[in-house]
Amino acid sequence: MNTFLSVLPFLSAGADFTDLSAEISDLIKSMWVPCVSVASALAVAWGIYLGIKYWMSAGDEQKKRSAKGSIIAFVVGIVVIFVVAVGAPLGIGALTEWVEARQAVSAFGTYDFARLIS
């Protein structure tokens, strides 16, 4: 909560966006470990539940098919989340480098955004 409130003064006009970016980055970093811990615990619990559901459906073919589909969807979801978790920092790094260049080329020429902001 403290970190979130520290971002508010930077929202005024004429604020330095480097400081705002640093505050937002610190906020995300402070929330990363608890969010990943809770998500991991939920994923393990859901995986156990689906395993028990599959195990309990040993006699009924339709329940077994349903449980198997749920397990496949769960595994695909975990893989997608992993790919996004690995790919997002790479994309953010590339965007950060692009923004830090502070220049954009258009049909009218090259503009220095740092000069425009300050």
PDB file of N, CA and C in Angstrom:
ATOM      1  N   MET A   1       0.831  -1.187   0.000  1.00  0.00           N
ATOM      2  CA  MET A   1       0.000   0.000   0.000  1.00  0.00           C
ATOM      3  C   MET A   1       0.871   1.244   0.000  1.00  0.00           C
ATOM      4  N   ASN A   2       1.928   1.228   0.784  1.00  0.00           N
ATOM      5  CA  ASN A   2       2.830   2.366   0.853  1.00  0.00           C
ATOM      6  C   ASN A   2       3.455   2.675  -0.497  1.00  0.00           C
ATOM      7  N   THR A   3       3.884   1.636  -1.200  1.00  0.00           N
ATOM      8  CA  THR A   3       4.511   1.830  -2.499  1.00  0.00           C
ATOM      9  C   THR A   3       3.502   2.381  -3.489  1.00  0.00           C
ATOM     10  N   PHE A   4       2.254   1.900  -3.435  1.00  0.00           N
ATOM     11  CA  PHE A   4       1.229   2.402  -4.332  1.00  0.00           C
ATOM     12  C   PHE A   4       0.986   3.886  -4.095  1.00  0.00           C
ATOM     13  N   LEU A   5       0.910   4.293  -2.840  1.00  0.00           N
ATOM     14  CA  LEU A   5       0.671   5.698  -2.528  1.00  0.00           C
ATOM     15  C   LEU A   5       1.850   6.577  -2.927  1.00  0.00           C
ATOM     16  N   SER A   6       3.051   6.002  -2.957  1.00  0.00           N
ATOM     17  CA  SER A   6       4.209   6.795  -3.354  1.00  0.00           C
ATOM     18  C   SER A   6       4.197   7.096  -4.846  1.00  0.00           C
ATOM     19  N   VAL A   7       3.399   6.386  -5.633  1.00  0.00           N
ATOM     20  CA  VAL A   7       3.301   6.640  -7.068  1.00  0.00           C
ATOM     21  C   VAL A   7       2.428   7.859  -7.345  1.00  0.00           C
ATOM     22  N   LEU A   8       1.474   8.131  -6.480  1.00  0.00           N
ATOM     23  CA  LEU A   8       0.496   9.190  -6.726  1.00  0.00           C
ATOM     24  C   LEU A   8       1.090  10.577  -6.989  1.00  0.00           C
ATOM     25  N   PRO A   9       2.129  11.040  -6.282  1.00  0.00           N
ATOM     26  CA  PRO A   9       2.652  12.377  -6.586  1.00  0.00           C
ATOM     27  C   PRO A   9       3.203  12.503  -8.009  1.00  0.00           C
ATOM     28  N   PHE A  10       3.597  11.406  -8.620  1.00  0.00           N
ATOM     29  CA  PHE A  10       4.166  11.463  -9.956  1.00  0.00           C
ATOM     30  C   PHE A  10       3.103  11.611 -11.040  1.00  0.00           C
ATOM     31  N   LEU A  11       1.843  11.497 -10.658  1.00  0.00           N
ATOM     32  CA  LEU A  11       0.780  11.583 -11.635  1.00  0.00           C
ATOM     33  C   LEU A  11       0.413  13.023 -11.988  1.00  0.00           C
ATOM     34  N   SER A  12       1.013  13.992 -11.309  1.00  0.00           N
ATOM     35  CA  SER A  12       0.721  15.388 -11.606  1.00  0.00           C
ATOM     36  C   SER A  12       1.394  15.805 -12.909  1.00  0.00           C
ATOM     37  N   ALA A  13       0.949  16.912 -13.463  1.00  0.00           N
ATOM     38  CA  ALA A  13       1.484  17.388 -14.746  1.00  0.00           C
ATOM     39  C   ALA A  13       2.954  17.768 -14.588  1.00  0.00           C
ATOM     40  N   GLY A  14       3.740  17.453 -15.586  1.00  0.00           N
ATOM     41  CA  GLY A  14       5.151  17.802 -15.580  1.00  0.00           C
ATOM     42  C   GLY A  14       6.019  16.859 -14.780  1.00  0.00           C
ATOM     43  N   ALA A  15       5.499  15.712 -14.403  1.00  0.00           N
ATOM     44  CA  ALA A  15       6.258  14.764 -13.603  1.00  0.00           C
ATOM     45  C   ALA A  15       7.319  14.074 -14.458  1.00  0.00           C
ATOM     46  N   ASP A  16       8.385  13.663 -13.804  1.00  0.00           N
ATOM     47  CA  ASP A  16       9.447  12.936 -14.488  1.00  0.00           C
ATOM     48  C   ASP A  16       9.020  11.472 -14.591  1.00  0.00           C
ATOM     49  N   PHE A  17       8.841  10.986 -15.806  1.00  0.00           N
ATOM     50  CA  PHE A  17       8.315   9.643 -16.004  1.00  0.00           C
ATOM     51  C   PHE A  17       9.341   8.569 -15.701  1.00  0.00           C
ATOM     52  N   THR A  18      10.606   8.922 -15.594  1.00  0.00           N
ATOM     53  CA  THR A  18      11.614   7.950 -15.184  1.00  0.00           C
ATOM     54  C   THR A  18      11.375   7.548 -13.734  1.00  0.00           C
ATOM     55  N   ASP A  19      11.070   8.543 -12.890  1.00  0.00           N
ATOM     56  CA  ASP A  19      10.769   8.250 -11.484  1.00  0.00           C
ATOM     57  C   ASP A  19       9.480   7.437 -11.356  1.00  0.00           C
ATOM     58  N   LEU A  20       8.475   7.778 -12.162  1.00  0.00           N
ATOM     59  CA  LEU A  20       7.217   7.037 -12.143  1.00  0.00           C
ATOM     60  C   LEU A  20       7.458   5.596 -12.567  1.00  0.00           C
ATOM     61  N   SER A  21       8.238   5.415 -13.590  1.00  0.00           N
ATOM     62  CA  SER A  21       8.564   4.067 -14.069  1.00  0.00           C
ATOM     63  C   SER A  21       9.285   3.266 -12.992  1.00  0.00           C
ATOM     64  N   ALA A  22      10.202   3.887 -12.288  1.00  0.00           N
ATOM     65  CA  ALA A  22      10.930   3.204 -11.221  1.00  0.00           C
ATOM     66  C   ALA A  22       9.993   2.812 -10.081  1.00  0.00           C
ATOM     67  N   GLU A  23       9.058   3.692  -9.729  1.00  0.00           N
ATOM     68  CA  GLU A  23       8.107   3.391  -8.652  1.00  0.00           C
ATOM     69  C   GLU A  23       7.185   2.239  -9.046  1.00  0.00           C
ATOM     70  N   ILE A  24       6.703   2.246 -10.286  1.00  0.00           N
ATOM     71  CA  ILE A  24       5.832   1.165 -10.755  1.00  0.00           C
ATOM     72  C   ILE A  24       6.606  -0.145 -10.799  1.00  0.00           C
ATOM     73  N   SER A  25       7.844  -0.082 -11.246  1.00  0.00           N
ATOM     74  CA  SER A  25       8.687  -1.278 -11.285  1.00  0.00           C
ATOM     75  C   SER A  25       8.902  -1.834  -9.878  1.00  0.00           C
ATOM     76  N   ASP A  26       9.157  -0.968  -8.913  1.00  0.00           N
ATOM     77  CA  ASP A  26       9.327  -1.407  -7.523  1.00  0.00           C
ATOM     78  C   ASP A  26       8.036  -2.027  -6.982  1.00  0.00           C
ATOM     79  N   LEU A  27       6.888  -1.453  -7.346  1.00  0.00           N
ATOM     80  CA  LEU A  27       5.602  -1.984  -6.906  1.00  0.00           C
ATOM     81  C   LEU A  27       5.396  -3.399  -7.456  1.00  0.00           C
ATOM     82  N   ILE A  28       5.684  -3.589  -8.729  1.00  0.00           N
ATOM     83  CA  ILE A  28       5.517  -4.912  -9.343  1.00  0.00           C
ATOM     84  C   ILE A  28       6.482  -5.913  -8.735  1.00  0.00           C
ATOM     85  N   LYS A  29       7.728  -5.490  -8.516  1.00  0.00           N
ATOM     86  CA  LYS A  29       8.715  -6.398  -7.919  1.00  0.00           C
ATOM     87  C   LYS A  29       8.321  -6.800  -6.504  1.00  0.00           C
ATOM     88  N   SER A  30       7.721  -5.890  -5.747  1.00  0.00           N
ATOM     89  CA  SER A  30       7.333  -6.217  -4.375  1.00  0.00           C
ATOM     90  C   SER A  30       6.147  -7.179  -4.339  1.00  0.00           C
ATOM     91  N   MET A  31       5.331  -7.195  -5.385  1.00  0.00           N
ATOM     92  CA  MET A  31       4.163  -8.069  -5.421  1.00  0.00           C
ATOM     93  C   MET A  31       4.455  -9.392  -6.127  1.00  0.00           C
ATOM     94  N   TRP A  32       5.570  -9.516  -6.818  1.00  0.00           N
ATOM     95  CA  TRP A  32       5.851 -10.680  -7.653  1.00  0.00           C
ATOM     96  C   TRP A  32       5.908 -11.985  -6.856  1.00  0.00           C
ATOM     97  N   VAL A  33       6.698 -12.027  -5.801  1.00  0.00           N
ATOM     98  CA  VAL A  33       6.886 -13.268  -5.038  1.00  0.00           C
ATOM     99  C   VAL A  33       5.574 -13.735  -4.391  1.00  0.00           C
ATOM    100  N   PRO A  34       4.809 -12.875  -3.724  1.00  0.00           N
ATOM    101  CA  PRO A  34       3.544 -13.362  -3.148  1.00  0.00           C
ATOM    102  C   PRO A  34       2.561 -13.855  -4.219  1.00  0.00           C
ATOM    103  N   CYS A  35       2.487 -13.168  -5.346  1.00  0.00           N
ATOM    104  CA  CYS A  35       1.560 -13.584  -6.404  1.00  0.00           C
ATOM    105  C   CYS A  35       1.965 -14.933  -6.992  1.00  0.00           C
ATOM    106  N   VAL A  36       3.251 -15.127  -7.241  1.00  0.00           N
ATOM    107  CA  VAL A  36       3.720 -16.397  -7.789  1.00  0.00           C
ATOM    108  C   VAL A  36       3.520 -17.514  -6.770  1.00  0.00           C
ATOM    109  N   SER A  37       3.737 -17.232  -5.496  1.00  0.00           N
ATOM    110  CA  SER A  37       3.541 -18.252  -4.457  1.00  0.00           C
ATOM    111  C   SER A  37       2.087 -18.696  -4.377  1.00  0.00           C
ATOM    112  N   VAL A  38       1.173 -17.752  -4.370  1.00  0.00           N
ATOM    113  CA  VAL A  38      -0.252 -18.086  -4.301  1.00  0.00           C
ATOM    114  C   VAL A  38      -0.677 -18.833  -5.567  1.00  0.00           C
ATOM    115  N   ALA A  39      -0.247 -18.356  -6.736  1.00  0.00           N
ATOM    116  CA  ALA A  39      -0.614 -19.018  -7.990  1.00  0.00           C
ATOM    117  C   ALA A  39      -0.059 -20.437  -8.051  1.00  0.00           C
ATOM    118  N   SER A  40       1.158 -20.627  -7.589  1.00  0.00           N
ATOM    119  CA  SER A  40       1.754 -21.968  -7.587  1.00  0.00           C
ATOM    120  C   SER A  40       1.006 -22.907  -6.652  1.00  0.00           C
ATOM    121  N   ALA A  41       0.650 -22.423  -5.474  1.00  0.00           N
ATOM    122  CA  ALA A  41      -0.099 -23.250  -4.524  1.00  0.00           C
ATOM    123  C   ALA A  41      -1.465 -23.631  -5.092  1.00  0.00           C
ATOM    124  N   LEU A  42      -2.127 -22.677  -5.738  1.00  0.00           N
ATOM    125  CA  LEU A  42      -3.423 -22.975  -6.355  1.00  0.00           C
ATOM    126  C   LEU A  42      -3.282 -23.977  -7.494  1.00  0.00           C
ATOM    127  N   ALA A  43      -2.232 -23.840  -8.299  1.00  0.00           N
ATOM    128  CA  ALA A  43      -2.010 -24.777  -9.409  1.00  0.00           C
ATOM    129  C   ALA A  43      -1.741 -26.187  -8.895  1.00  0.00           C
ATOM    130  N   VAL A  44      -0.959 -26.307  -7.847  1.00  0.00           N
ATOM    131  CA  VAL A  44      -0.683 -27.630  -7.273  1.00  0.00           C
ATOM    132  C   VAL A  44      -1.968 -28.227  -6.698  1.00  0.00           C
ATOM    133  N   ALA A  45      -2.738 -27.432  -5.989  1.00  0.00           N
ATOM    134  CA  ALA A  45      -3.989 -27.923  -5.408  1.00  0.00           C
ATOM    135  C   ALA A  45      -4.962 -28.355  -6.506  1.00  0.00           C
ATOM    136  N   TRP A  46      -5.070 -27.570  -7.569  1.00  0.00           N
ATOM    137  CA  TRP A  46      -5.967 -27.911  -8.669  1.00  0.00           C
ATOM    138  C   TRP A  46      -5.493 -29.178  -9.386  1.00  0.00           C
ATOM    139  N   GLY A  47      -4.183 -29.318  -9.553  1.00  0.00           N
ATOM    140  CA  GLY A  47      -3.630 -30.520 -10.163  1.00  0.00           C
ATOM    141  C   GLY A  47      -3.929 -31.762  -9.336  1.00  0.00           C
ATOM    142  N   ILE A  48      -3.816 -31.635  -8.025  1.00  0.00           N
ATOM    143  CA  ILE A  48      -4.140 -32.758  -7.135  1.00  0.00           C
ATOM    144  C   ILE A  48      -5.624 -33.101  -7.241  1.00  0.00           C
ATOM    145  N   TYR A  49      -6.461 -32.068  -7.260  1.00  0.00           N
ATOM    146  CA  TYR A  49      -7.899 -32.286  -7.395  1.00  0.00           C
ATOM    147  C   TYR A  49      -8.220 -33.023  -8.705  1.00  0.00           C
ATOM    148  N   LEU A  50      -7.617 -32.592  -9.797  1.00  0.00           N
ATOM    149  CA  LEU A  50      -7.875 -33.243 -11.087  1.00  0.00           C
ATOM    150  C   LEU A  50      -7.360 -34.673 -11.098  1.00  0.00           C
ATOM    151  N   GLY A  51      -6.222 -34.923 -10.455  1.00  0.00           N
ATOM    152  CA  GLY A  51      -5.703 -36.285 -10.351  1.00  0.00           C
ATOM    153  C   GLY A  51      -6.645 -37.189  -9.570  1.00  0.00           C
ATOM    154  N   ILE A  52      -7.179 -36.681  -8.467  1.00  0.00           N
ATOM    155  CA  ILE A  52      -8.135 -37.455  -7.670  1.00  0.00           C
ATOM    156  C   ILE A  52      -9.419 -37.684  -8.456  1.00  0.00           C
ATOM    157  N   LYS A  53      -9.849 -36.659  -9.188  1.00  0.00           N
ATOM    158  CA  LYS A  53     -11.054 -36.786 -10.015  1.00  0.00           C
ATOM    159  C   LYS A  53     -10.871 -37.884 -11.064  1.00  0.00           C
ATOM    160  N   TYR A  54      -9.694 -37.938 -11.673  1.00  0.00           N
ATOM    161  CA  TYR A  54      -9.407 -38.974 -12.668  1.00  0.00           C
ATOM    162  C   TYR A  54      -9.355 -40.349 -12.006  1.00  0.00           C
ATOM    163  N   TRP A  55      -8.738 -40.419 -10.863  1.00  0.00           N
ATOM    164  CA  TRP A  55      -8.598 -41.687 -10.136  1.00  0.00           C
ATOM    165  C   TRP A  55      -9.965 -42.225  -9.697  1.00  0.00           C
ATOM    166  N   MET A  56     -10.842 -41.327  -9.243  1.00  0.00           N
ATOM    167  CA  MET A  56     -12.158 -41.729  -8.758  1.00  0.00           C
ATOM    168  C   MET A  56     -13.099 -42.135  -9.894  1.00  0.00           C
ATOM    169  N   SER A  57     -12.786 -41.751 -11.121  1.00  0.00           N
ATOM    170  CA  SER A  57     -13.673 -42.064 -12.247  1.00  0.00           C
ATOM    171  C   SER A  57     -13.275 -43.353 -12.954  1.00  0.00           C
ATOM    172  N   ALA A  58     -12.597 -44.241 -12.281  1.00  0.00           N
ATOM    173  CA  ALA A  58     -12.059 -45.450 -12.896  1.00  0.00           C
ATOM    174  C   ALA A  58     -13.141 -46.327 -13.532  1.00  0.00           C
ATOM    175  N   GLY A  59     -14.337 -46.382 -12.965  1.00  0.00           N
ATOM    176  CA  GLY A  59     -15.373 -47.264 -13.487  1.00  0.00           C
ATOM    177  C   GLY A  59     -16.205 -46.645 -14.599  1.00  0.00           C
ATOM    178  N   ASP A  60     -16.438 -45.338 -14.552  1.00  0.00           N
ATOM    179  CA  ASP A  60     -17.322 -44.669 -15.502  1.00  0.00           C
ATOM    180  C   ASP A  60     -16.495 -44.061 -16.640  1.00  0.00           C
ATOM    181  N   GLU A  61     -16.753 -44.530 -17.857  1.00  0.00           N
ATOM    182  CA  GLU A  61     -15.962 -44.082 -19.015  1.00  0.00           C
ATOM    183  C   GLU A  61     -16.182 -42.599 -19.331  1.00  0.00           C
ATOM    184  N   GLN A  62     -17.404 -42.094 -19.181  1.00  0.00           N
ATOM    185  CA  GLN A  62     -17.687 -40.686 -19.480  1.00  0.00           C
ATOM    186  C   GLN A  62     -16.996 -39.764 -18.466  1.00  0.00           C
ATOM    187  N   LYS A  63     -17.044 -40.123 -17.191  1.00  0.00           N
ATOM    188  CA  LYS A  63     -16.350 -39.328 -16.163  1.00  0.00           C
ATOM    189  C   LYS A  63     -14.845 -39.352 -16.397  1.00  0.00           C
ATOM    190  N   LYS A  64     -14.344 -40.511 -16.817  1.00  0.00           N
ATOM    191  CA  LYS A  64     -12.915 -40.644 -17.085  1.00  0.00           C
ATOM    192  C   LYS A  64     -12.498 -39.750 -18.252  1.00  0.00           C
ATOM    193  N   ARG A  65     -13.316 -39.716 -19.307  1.00  0.00           N
ATOM    194  CA  ARG A  65     -13.037 -38.857 -20.460  1.00  0.00           C
ATOM    195  C   ARG A  65     -13.082 -37.378 -20.061  1.00  0.00           C
ATOM    196  N   SER A  66     -14.058 -37.018 -19.240  1.00  0.00           N
ATOM    197  CA  SER A  66     -14.181 -35.637 -18.772  1.00  0.00           C
ATOM    198  C   SER A  66     -12.974 -35.236 -17.922  1.00  0.00           C
ATOM    199  N   ALA A  67     -12.572 -36.125 -17.020  1.00  0.00           N
ATOM    200  CA  ALA A  67     -11.418 -35.842 -16.159  1.00  0.00           C
ATOM    201  C   ALA A  67     -10.137 -35.741 -16.988  1.00  0.00           C
ATOM    202  N   LYS A  68     -10.010 -36.613 -17.982  1.00  0.00           N
ATOM    203  CA  LYS A  68      -8.827 -36.585 -18.846  1.00  0.00           C
ATOM    204  C   LYS A  68      -8.770 -35.274 -19.637  1.00  0.00           C
ATOM    205  N   GLY A  69      -9.919 -34.815 -20.137  1.00  0.00           N
ATOM    206  CA  GLY A  69      -9.980 -33.525 -20.838  1.00  0.00           C
ATOM    207  C   GLY A  69      -9.604 -32.371 -19.925  1.00  0.00           C
ATOM    208  N   SER A  70     -10.055 -32.439 -18.684  1.00  0.00           N
ATOM    209  CA  SER A  70      -9.711 -31.391 -17.713  1.00  0.00           C
ATOM    210  C   SER A  70      -8.215 -31.370 -17.434  1.00  0.00           C
ATOM    211  N   ILE A  71      -7.604 -32.541 -17.324  1.00  0.00           N
ATOM    212  CA  ILE A  71      -6.161 -32.616 -17.071  1.00  0.00           C
ATOM    213  C   ILE A  71      -5.385 -32.074 -18.269  1.00  0.00           C
ATOM    214  N   ILE A  72      -5.832 -32.393 -19.474  1.00  0.00           N
ATOM    215  CA  ILE A  72      -5.159 -31.880 -20.672  1.00  0.00           C
ATOM    216  C   ILE A  72      -5.265 -30.352 -20.732  1.00  0.00           C
ATOM    217  N   ALA A  73      -6.456 -29.824 -20.443  1.00  0.00           N
ATOM    218  CA  ALA A  73      -6.641 -28.367 -20.432  1.00  0.00           C
ATOM    219  C   ALA A  73      -5.768 -27.715 -19.362  1.00  0.00           C
ATOM    220  N   PHE A  74      -5.650 -28.361 -18.216  1.00  0.00           N
ATOM    221  CA  PHE A  74      -4.809 -27.849 -17.134  1.00  0.00           C
ATOM    222  C   PHE A  74      -3.343 -27.780 -17.565  1.00  0.00           C
ATOM    223  N   VAL A  75      -2.853 -28.849 -18.174  1.00  0.00           N
ATOM    224  CA  VAL A  75      -1.452 -28.879 -18.610  1.00  0.00           C
ATOM    225  C   VAL A  75      -1.209 -27.834 -19.693  1.00  0.00           C
ATOM    226  N   VAL A  76      -2.135 -27.706 -20.649  1.00  0.00           N
ATOM    227  CA  VAL A  76      -1.986 -26.691 -21.700  1.00  0.00           C
ATOM    228  C   VAL A  76      -1.986 -25.300 -21.073  1.00  0.00           C
ATOM    229  N   GLY A  77      -2.848 -25.063 -20.101  1.00  0.00           N
ATOM    230  CA  GLY A  77      -2.884 -23.762 -19.418  1.00  0.00           C
ATOM    231  C   GLY A  77      -1.579 -23.449 -18.707  1.00  0.00           C
ATOM    232  N   ILE A  78      -1.009 -24.434 -18.040  1.00  0.00           N
ATOM    233  CA  ILE A  78       0.271 -24.235 -17.344  1.00  0.00           C
ATOM    234  C   ILE A  78       1.371 -23.913 -18.349  1.00  0.00           C
ATOM    235  N   VAL A  79       1.378 -24.609 -19.491  1.00  0.00           N
ATOM    236  CA  VAL A  79       2.386 -24.344 -20.523  1.00  0.00           C
ATOM    237  C   VAL A  79       2.229 -22.933 -21.086  1.00  0.00           C
ATOM    238  N   VAL A  80       1.000 -22.510 -21.345  1.00  0.00           N
ATOM    239  CA  VAL A  80       0.758 -21.160 -21.864  1.00  0.00           C
ATOM    240  C   VAL A  80       1.212 -20.111 -20.849  1.00  0.00           C
ATOM    241  N   ILE A  81       0.889 -20.320 -19.590  1.00  0.00           N
ATOM    242  CA  ILE A  81       1.309 -19.372 -18.554  1.00  0.00           C
ATOM    243  C   ILE A  81       2.830 -19.306 -18.474  1.00  0.00           C
ATOM    244  N   PHE A  82       3.500 -20.447 -18.564  1.00  0.00           N
ATOM    245  CA  PHE A  82       4.958 -20.465 -18.528  1.00  0.00           C
ATOM    246  C   PHE A  82       5.544 -19.713 -19.715  1.00  0.00           C
ATOM    247  N   VAL A  83       4.994 -19.932 -20.899  1.00  0.00           N
ATOM    248  CA  VAL A  83       5.496 -19.238 -22.097  1.00  0.00           C
ATOM    249  C   VAL A  83       5.309 -17.735 -21.956  1.00  0.00           C
ATOM    250  N   VAL A  84       4.165 -17.308 -21.448  1.00  0.00           N
ATOM    251  CA  VAL A  84       3.928 -15.872 -21.253  1.00  0.00           C
ATOM    252  C   VAL A  84       4.859 -15.320 -20.176  1.00  0.00           C
ATOM    253  N   ALA A  85       5.069 -16.077 -19.096  1.00  0.00           N
ATOM    254  CA  ALA A  85       5.953 -15.612 -18.019  1.00  0.00           C
ATOM    255  C   ALA A  85       7.390 -15.462 -18.497  1.00  0.00           C
ATOM    256  N   VAL A  86       7.800 -16.299 -19.444  1.00  0.00           N
ATOM    257  CA  VAL A  86       9.153 -16.184 -19.983  1.00  0.00           C
ATOM    258  C   VAL A  86       9.201 -15.116 -21.074  1.00  0.00           C
ATOM    259  N   GLY A  87       8.158 -15.049 -21.897  1.00  0.00           N
ATOM    260  CA  GLY A  87       8.153 -14.124 -23.028  1.00  0.00           C
ATOM    261  C   GLY A  87       7.900 -12.678 -22.652  1.00  0.00           C
ATOM    262  N   ALA A  88       7.102 -12.440 -21.620  1.00  0.00           N
ATOM    263  CA  ALA A  88       6.772 -11.070 -21.231  1.00  0.00           C
ATOM    264  C   ALA A  88       8.007 -10.259 -20.833  1.00  0.00           C
ATOM    265  N   PRO A  89       8.905 -10.781 -19.983  1.00  0.00           N
ATOM    266  CA  PRO A  89      10.095 -10.000 -19.664  1.00  0.00           C
ATOM    267  C   PRO A  89      10.976  -9.713 -20.889  1.00  0.00           C
ATOM    268  N   LEU A  90      11.013 -10.651 -21.821  1.00  0.00           N
ATOM    269  CA  LEU A  90      11.786 -10.398 -23.045  1.00  0.00           C
ATOM    270  C   LEU A  90      11.166  -9.265 -23.850  1.00  0.00           C
ATOM    271  N   GLY A  91       9.841  -9.287 -23.966  1.00  0.00           N
ATOM    272  CA  GLY A  91       9.147  -8.215 -24.680  1.00  0.00           C
ATOM    273  C   GLY A  91       9.255  -6.889 -23.964  1.00  0.00           C
ATOM    274  N   ILE A  92       9.155  -6.908 -22.651  1.00  0.00           N
ATOM    275  CA  ILE A  92       9.276  -5.676 -21.874  1.00  0.00           C
ATOM    276  C   ILE A  92      10.682  -5.110 -22.000  1.00  0.00           C
ATOM    277  N   GLY A  93      11.684  -5.988 -21.992  1.00  0.00           N
ATOM    278  CA  GLY A  93      13.067  -5.527 -22.170  1.00  0.00           C
ATOM    279  C   GLY A  93      13.267  -4.868 -23.520  1.00  0.00           C
ATOM    280  N   ALA A  94      12.702  -5.457 -24.557  1.00  0.00           N
ATOM    281  CA  ALA A  94      12.828  -4.869 -25.892  1.00  0.00           C
ATOM    282  C   ALA A  94      12.112  -3.530 -25.966  1.00  0.00           C
ATOM    283  N   LEU A  95      10.925  -3.439 -25.376  1.00  0.00           N
ATOM    284  CA  LEU A  95      10.203  -2.163 -25.369  1.00  0.00           C
ATOM    285  C   LEU A  95      10.931  -1.109 -24.540  1.00  0.00           C
ATOM    286  N   THR A  96      11.543  -1.524 -23.447  1.00  0.00           N
ATOM    287  CA  THR A  96      12.297  -0.588 -22.618  1.00  0.00           C
ATOM    288  C   THR A  96      13.469  -0.009 -23.386  1.00  0.00           C
ATOM    289  N   GLU A  97      14.189  -0.856 -24.088  1.00  0.00           N
ATOM    290  CA  GLU A  97      15.307  -0.356 -24.903  1.00  0.00           C
ATOM    291  C   GLU A  97      14.806   0.602 -25.972  1.00  0.00           C
ATOM    292  N   TRP A  98      13.667   0.287 -26.565  1.00  0.00           N
ATOM    293  CA  TRP A  98      13.120   1.147 -27.609  1.00  0.00           C
ATOM    294  C   TRP A  98      12.718   2.517 -27.047  1.00  0.00           C
ATOM    295  N   VAL A  99      12.088   2.524 -25.864  1.00  0.00           N
ATOM    296  CA  VAL A  99      11.662   3.785 -25.255  1.00  0.00           C
ATOM    297  C   VAL A  99      12.859   4.588 -24.777  1.00  0.00           C
ATOM    298  N   GLU A 100      13.875   3.905 -24.229  1.00  0.00           N
ATOM    299  CA  GLU A 100      15.048   4.606 -23.728  1.00  0.00           C
ATOM    300  C   GLU A 100      15.850   5.258 -24.835  1.00  0.00           C
ATOM    301  N   ALA A 101      15.672   4.798 -26.046  1.00  0.00           N
ATOM    302  CA  ALA A 101      16.348   5.444 -27.167  1.00  0.00           C
ATOM    303  C   ALA A 101      15.841   6.872 -27.342  1.00  0.00           C
ATOM    304  N   ARG A 102      14.596   7.116 -26.949  1.00  0.00           N
ATOM    305  CA  ARG A 102      13.971   8.444 -26.954  1.00  0.00           C
ATOM    306  C   ARG A 102      13.969   9.109 -28.318  1.00  0.00           C
ATOM    307  N   GLN A 103      13.965   8.325 -29.307  1.00  0.00           N
ATOM    308  CA  GLN A 103      13.887   8.897 -30.642  1.00  0.00           C
ATOM    309  C   GLN A 103      12.912   8.085 -31.463  1.00  0.00           C
ATOM    310  N   ALA A 104      12.242   8.781 -32.345  1.00  0.00           N
ATOM    311  CA  ALA A 104      11.334   8.092 -33.254  1.00  0.00           C
ATOM    312  C   ALA A 104      11.533   8.670 -34.637  1.00  0.00           C
ATOM    313  N   VAL A 105      11.488   7.823 -35.603  1.00  0.00           N
ATOM    314  CA  VAL A 105      11.642   8.267 -36.983  1.00  0.00           C
ATOM    315  C   VAL A 105      10.266   8.249 -37.619  1.00  0.00           C
ATOM    316  N   SER A 106       9.908   9.349 -38.225  1.00  0.00           N
ATOM    317  CA  SER A 106       8.632   9.418 -38.915  1.00  0.00           C
ATOM    318  C   SER A 106       8.881   9.900 -40.339  1.00  0.00           C
ATOM    319  N   ALA A 107       7.817  10.087 -41.065  1.00  0.00           N
ATOM    320  CA  ALA A 107       7.938  10.566 -42.441  1.00  0.00           C
ATOM    321  C   ALA A 107       8.496  11.985 -42.472  1.00  0.00           C
ATOM    322  N   PHE A 108       8.382  12.715 -41.374  1.00  0.00           N
ATOM    323  CA  PHE A 108       8.826  14.107 -41.325  1.00  0.00           C
ATOM    324  C   PHE A 108      10.223  14.278 -40.753  1.00  0.00           C
ATOM    325  N   GLY A 109      10.842  13.209 -40.297  1.00  0.00           N
ATOM    326  CA  GLY A 109      12.191  13.304 -39.768  1.00  0.00           C
ATOM    327  C   GLY A 109      12.314  12.611 -38.427  1.00  0.00           C
ATOM    328  N   THR A 110      13.441  12.864 -37.740  1.00  0.00           N
ATOM    329  CA  THR A 110      13.727  12.256 -36.457  1.00  0.00           C
ATOM    330  C   THR A 110      13.383  13.243 -35.352  1.00  0.00           C
ATOM    331  N   TYR A 111      12.679  12.767 -34.316  1.00  0.00           N
ATOM    332  CA  TYR A 111      12.288  13.623 -33.207  1.00  0.00           C
ATOM    333  C   TYR A 111      12.883  13.079 -31.927  1.00  0.00           C
ATOM    334  N   ASP A 112      13.354  13.966 -31.081  1.00  0.00           N
ATOM    335  CA  ASP A 112      13.904  13.595 -29.785  1.00  0.00           C
ATOM    336  C   ASP A 112      12.809  13.826 -28.746  1.00  0.00           C
ATOM    337  N   PHE A 113      12.217  12.742 -28.251  1.00  0.00           N
ATOM    338  CA  PHE A 113      11.121  12.857 -27.304  1.00  0.00           C
ATOM    339  C   PHE A 113      11.568  13.461 -25.972  1.00  0.00           C
ATOM    340  N   ALA A 114      12.808  13.286 -25.597  1.00  0.00           N
ATOM    341  CA  ALA A 114      13.298  13.887 -24.350  1.00  0.00           C
ATOM    342  C   ALA A 114      13.204  15.400 -24.415  1.00  0.00           C
ATOM    343  N   ARG A 115      13.477  15.965 -25.577  1.00  0.00           N
ATOM    344  CA  ARG A 115      13.390  17.416 -25.751  1.00  0.00           C
ATOM    345  C   ARG A 115      11.935  17.856 -25.690  1.00  0.00           C
ATOM    346  N   LEU A 116      11.029  17.082 -26.235  1.00  0.00           N
ATOM    347  CA  LEU A 116       9.617  17.441 -26.233  1.00  0.00           C
ATOM    348  C   LEU A 116       9.013  17.383 -24.839  1.00  0.00           C
ATOM    349  N   ILE A 117       9.443  16.422 -24.031  1.00  0.00           N
ATOM    350  CA  ILE A 117       8.889  16.255 -22.695  1.00  0.00           C
ATOM    351  C   ILE A 117       9.394  17.324 -21.741  1.00  0.00           C
ATOM    352  N   SER A 118      10.670  17.668 -21.844  1.00  0.00           N
ATOM    353  CA  SER A 118      11.231  18.632 -20.887  1.00  0.00           C
ATOM    354  C   SER A 118      11.045  20.059 -21.299  1.00  0.00           C
TER     355      SER A 118
END
